[in-house]
Amino acid sequence: MVKKKTKYIHAGRYVAEVEVNLIESDDEWAPYLSIEDATRLDDVREALQKEDMESASRYGGIYKLEPISLS
């Protein structure tokens, strides 16, 4: 069985929201990602680290984190 899941990849001050398919089965490794989805997550993390927003945005939504001070 395959289930859609949103993964959030954080690198520096950016977060990418990426849709992946979790593969569910009865084996002890389940649930797991396909090689293609795992590679996509690695690619988006690398793009965020390089601040290459054009490449990172091909995989999903990109957000910039900003600190909030309550003092």
N, C-alpha and C. Protein backbone atom coordinates (compact mmCIF):
# COMPACT_ATOMS: atom_id res chain seq x y z
N MET A 1 0.84 -1.17 0.00
CA MET A 1 0.00 0.00 0.00
C MET A 1 0.89 1.25 0.00
N VAL A 2 0.49 2.24 -0.75
CA VAL A 2 1.24 3.49 -0.84
C VAL A 2 0.38 4.61 -0.26
N LYS A 3 1.01 5.44 0.56
CA LYS A 3 0.30 6.53 1.24
C LYS A 3 1.05 7.84 0.99
N LYS A 4 0.33 8.88 0.57
CA LYS A 4 0.92 10.21 0.37
C LYS A 4 1.26 10.82 1.73
N LYS A 5 2.42 11.49 1.78
CA LYS A 5 2.87 12.13 3.02
C LYS A 5 3.63 13.39 2.67
N THR A 6 3.49 14.41 3.48
CA THR A 6 4.26 15.64 3.31
C THR A 6 5.48 15.57 4.21
N LYS A 7 6.64 15.75 3.63
CA LYS A 7 7.89 15.80 4.39
C LYS A 7 8.39 17.23 4.38
N TYR A 8 8.94 17.65 5.51
CA TYR A 8 9.51 18.99 5.63
C TYR A 8 11.02 18.86 5.76
N ILE A 9 11.73 19.50 4.84
CA ILE A 9 13.18 19.44 4.81
C ILE A 9 13.71 20.81 5.24
N HIS A 10 14.50 20.81 6.31
CA HIS A 10 15.03 22.05 6.88
C HIS A 10 16.52 22.14 6.57
N ALA A 11 16.93 23.28 6.06
CA ALA A 11 18.35 23.55 5.82
C ALA A 11 18.59 25.04 6.01
N GLY A 12 19.40 25.37 6.98
CA GLY A 12 19.67 26.79 7.26
C GLY A 12 18.41 27.52 7.65
N ARG A 13 18.09 28.60 6.96
CA ARG A 13 16.88 29.37 7.29
C ARG A 13 15.71 29.04 6.39
N TYR A 14 15.80 27.93 5.67
CA TYR A 14 14.73 27.56 4.73
C TYR A 14 14.13 26.18 5.06
N VAL A 15 12.87 26.03 4.67
CA VAL A 15 12.17 24.76 4.80
C VAL A 15 11.45 24.49 3.48
N ALA A 16 11.56 23.25 3.01
CA ALA A 16 10.83 22.84 1.81
C ALA A 16 9.74 21.86 2.23
N GLU A 17 8.60 22.00 1.61
CA GLU A 17 7.46 21.12 1.85
C GLU A 17 7.34 20.22 0.61
N VAL A 18 7.63 18.92 0.77
CA VAL A 18 7.73 18.01 -0.36
C VAL A 18 6.77 16.84 -0.17
N GLU A 19 5.97 16.55 -1.19
CA GLU A 19 5.08 15.40 -1.17
C GLU A 19 5.85 14.14 -1.58
N VAL A 20 5.72 13.08 -0.79
CA VAL A 20 6.35 11.81 -1.10
C VAL A 20 5.33 10.69 -0.91
N ASN A 21 5.69 9.50 -1.38
CA ASN A 21 4.86 8.32 -1.18
C ASN A 21 5.54 7.41 -0.18
N LEU A 22 4.84 7.11 0.91
CA LEU A 22 5.34 6.14 1.88
C LEU A 22 4.81 4.78 1.48
N ILE A 23 5.70 3.83 1.39
CA ILE A 23 5.32 2.47 1.02
C ILE A 23 5.13 1.67 2.30
N GLU A 24 3.93 1.19 2.49
CA GLU A 24 3.61 0.41 3.69
C GLU A 24 3.49 -1.06 3.31
N SER A 25 4.10 -1.91 4.13
CA SER A 25 4.02 -3.35 3.91
C SER A 25 4.16 -4.04 5.26
N ASP A 26 4.17 -5.35 5.24
CA ASP A 26 4.27 -6.12 6.49
C ASP A 26 5.70 -6.38 6.91
N ASP A 27 6.69 -5.95 6.12
CA ASP A 27 8.07 -6.23 6.52
C ASP A 27 8.54 -5.25 7.59
N GLU A 28 9.65 -5.57 8.21
CA GLU A 28 10.12 -4.78 9.35
C GLU A 28 10.66 -3.40 8.99
N TRP A 29 10.89 -3.12 7.71
CA TRP A 29 11.41 -1.82 7.28
C TRP A 29 10.30 -0.82 6.98
N ALA A 30 9.08 -1.26 6.96
CA ALA A 30 7.95 -0.39 6.59
C ALA A 30 7.62 0.59 7.71
N PRO A 31 7.09 1.74 7.40
CA PRO A 31 6.96 2.32 6.07
C PRO A 31 8.30 2.88 5.60
N TYR A 32 8.48 2.93 4.29
CA TYR A 32 9.73 3.44 3.73
C TYR A 32 9.45 4.21 2.45
N LEU A 33 10.47 4.94 2.01
CA LEU A 33 10.39 5.74 0.79
C LEU A 33 10.97 4.96 -0.38
N SER A 34 10.51 5.27 -1.57
CA SER A 34 11.15 4.72 -2.76
C SER A 34 12.51 5.39 -2.91
N ILE A 35 13.37 4.80 -3.70
CA ILE A 35 14.68 5.39 -3.96
C ILE A 35 14.51 6.75 -4.62
N GLU A 36 13.53 6.87 -5.50
CA GLU A 36 13.30 8.14 -6.20
C GLU A 36 12.90 9.24 -5.22
N ASP A 37 12.00 8.92 -4.29
CA ASP A 37 11.58 9.93 -3.32
C ASP A 37 12.72 10.29 -2.37
N ALA A 38 13.49 9.32 -1.95
CA ALA A 38 14.63 9.59 -1.06
C ALA A 38 15.65 10.49 -1.78
N THR A 39 15.87 10.22 -3.05
CA THR A 39 16.79 11.04 -3.84
C THR A 39 16.26 12.46 -4.00
N ARG A 40 14.95 12.60 -4.22
CA ARG A 40 14.35 13.94 -4.32
C ARG A 40 14.56 14.73 -3.04
N LEU A 41 14.38 14.08 -1.89
CA LEU A 41 14.58 14.77 -0.60
C LEU A 41 16.03 15.21 -0.45
N ASP A 42 16.96 14.34 -0.86
CA ASP A 42 18.38 14.73 -0.82
C ASP A 42 18.65 15.90 -1.76
N ASP A 43 18.05 15.88 -2.94
CA ASP A 43 18.26 16.95 -3.92
C ASP A 43 17.72 18.28 -3.41
N VAL A 44 16.54 18.26 -2.80
CA VAL A 44 15.97 19.52 -2.31
C VAL A 44 16.79 20.04 -1.12
N ARG A 45 17.28 19.15 -0.26
CA ARG A 45 18.13 19.58 0.86
C ARG A 45 19.40 20.24 0.33
N GLU A 46 20.00 19.64 -0.67
CA GLU A 46 21.22 20.21 -1.25
C GLU A 46 20.94 21.57 -1.89
N ALA A 47 19.83 21.70 -2.59
CA ALA A 47 19.48 22.98 -3.21
C ALA A 47 19.25 24.06 -2.14
N LEU A 48 18.59 23.70 -1.05
CA LEU A 48 18.37 24.66 0.04
C LEU A 48 19.70 25.09 0.66
N GLN A 49 20.60 24.14 0.85
CA GLN A 49 21.90 24.46 1.44
C GLN A 49 22.69 25.42 0.55
N LYS A 50 22.52 25.30 -0.76
CA LYS A 50 23.20 26.19 -1.71
C LYS A 50 22.41 27.47 -1.95
N GLU A 51 21.24 27.58 -1.30
CA GLU A 51 20.32 28.71 -1.48
C GLU A 51 19.91 28.85 -2.94
N ASP A 52 19.75 27.72 -3.61
CA ASP A 52 19.29 27.67 -5.00
C ASP A 52 17.77 27.46 -4.96
N MET A 53 17.06 28.56 -4.79
CA MET A 53 15.61 28.49 -4.61
C MET A 53 14.89 28.04 -5.87
N GLU A 54 15.44 28.35 -7.03
CA GLU A 54 14.82 27.93 -8.28
C GLU A 54 14.77 26.39 -8.36
N SER A 55 15.89 25.75 -8.06
CA SER A 55 15.93 24.28 -8.08
C SER A 55 15.08 23.69 -6.95
N ALA A 56 15.18 24.26 -5.77
CA ALA A 56 14.44 23.73 -4.61
C ALA A 56 12.93 23.83 -4.84
N SER A 57 12.48 24.89 -5.49
CA SER A 57 11.05 25.09 -5.68
C SER A 57 10.43 24.10 -6.67
N ARG A 58 11.24 23.39 -7.42
CA ARG A 58 10.73 22.34 -8.32
C ARG A 58 10.12 21.19 -7.55
N TYR A 59 10.49 21.04 -6.29
CA TYR A 59 10.06 19.90 -5.48
C TYR A 59 8.86 20.20 -4.60
N GLY A 60 8.55 21.47 -4.41
CA GLY A 60 7.42 21.83 -3.56
C GLY A 60 7.56 23.24 -3.04
N GLY A 61 6.77 23.56 -2.03
CA GLY A 61 6.78 24.90 -1.45
C GLY A 61 8.04 25.15 -0.65
N ILE A 62 8.54 26.39 -0.72
CA ILE A 62 9.74 26.80 0.00
C ILE A 62 9.36 27.92 0.95
N TYR A 63 9.85 27.83 2.18
CA TYR A 63 9.55 28.83 3.20
C TYR A 63 10.84 29.31 3.84
N LYS A 64 10.86 30.58 4.19
CA LYS A 64 12.00 31.17 4.87
C LYS A 64 11.64 31.31 6.35
N LEU A 65 12.52 30.83 7.21
CA LEU A 65 12.30 30.92 8.65
C LEU A 65 12.84 32.24 9.18
N GLU A 66 12.07 32.87 10.04
CA GLU A 66 12.51 34.11 10.66
C GLU A 66 12.37 33.98 12.17
N PRO A 67 13.38 34.38 12.91
CA PRO A 67 13.29 34.29 14.37
C PRO A 67 12.25 35.27 14.93
N ILE A 68 11.61 34.86 15.99
CA ILE A 68 10.63 35.72 16.66
C ILE A 68 11.10 35.88 18.10
N SER A 69 11.25 37.11 18.51
CA SER A 69 11.69 37.39 19.87
C SER A 69 10.48 37.83 20.69
N LEU A 70 10.32 37.22 21.83
CA LEU A 70 9.20 37.56 22.70
C LEU A 70 9.61 38.48 23.84
N SER A 71 10.85 38.96 23.83
CA SER A 71 11.31 39.83 24.92
C SER A 71 11.05 41.28 24.67
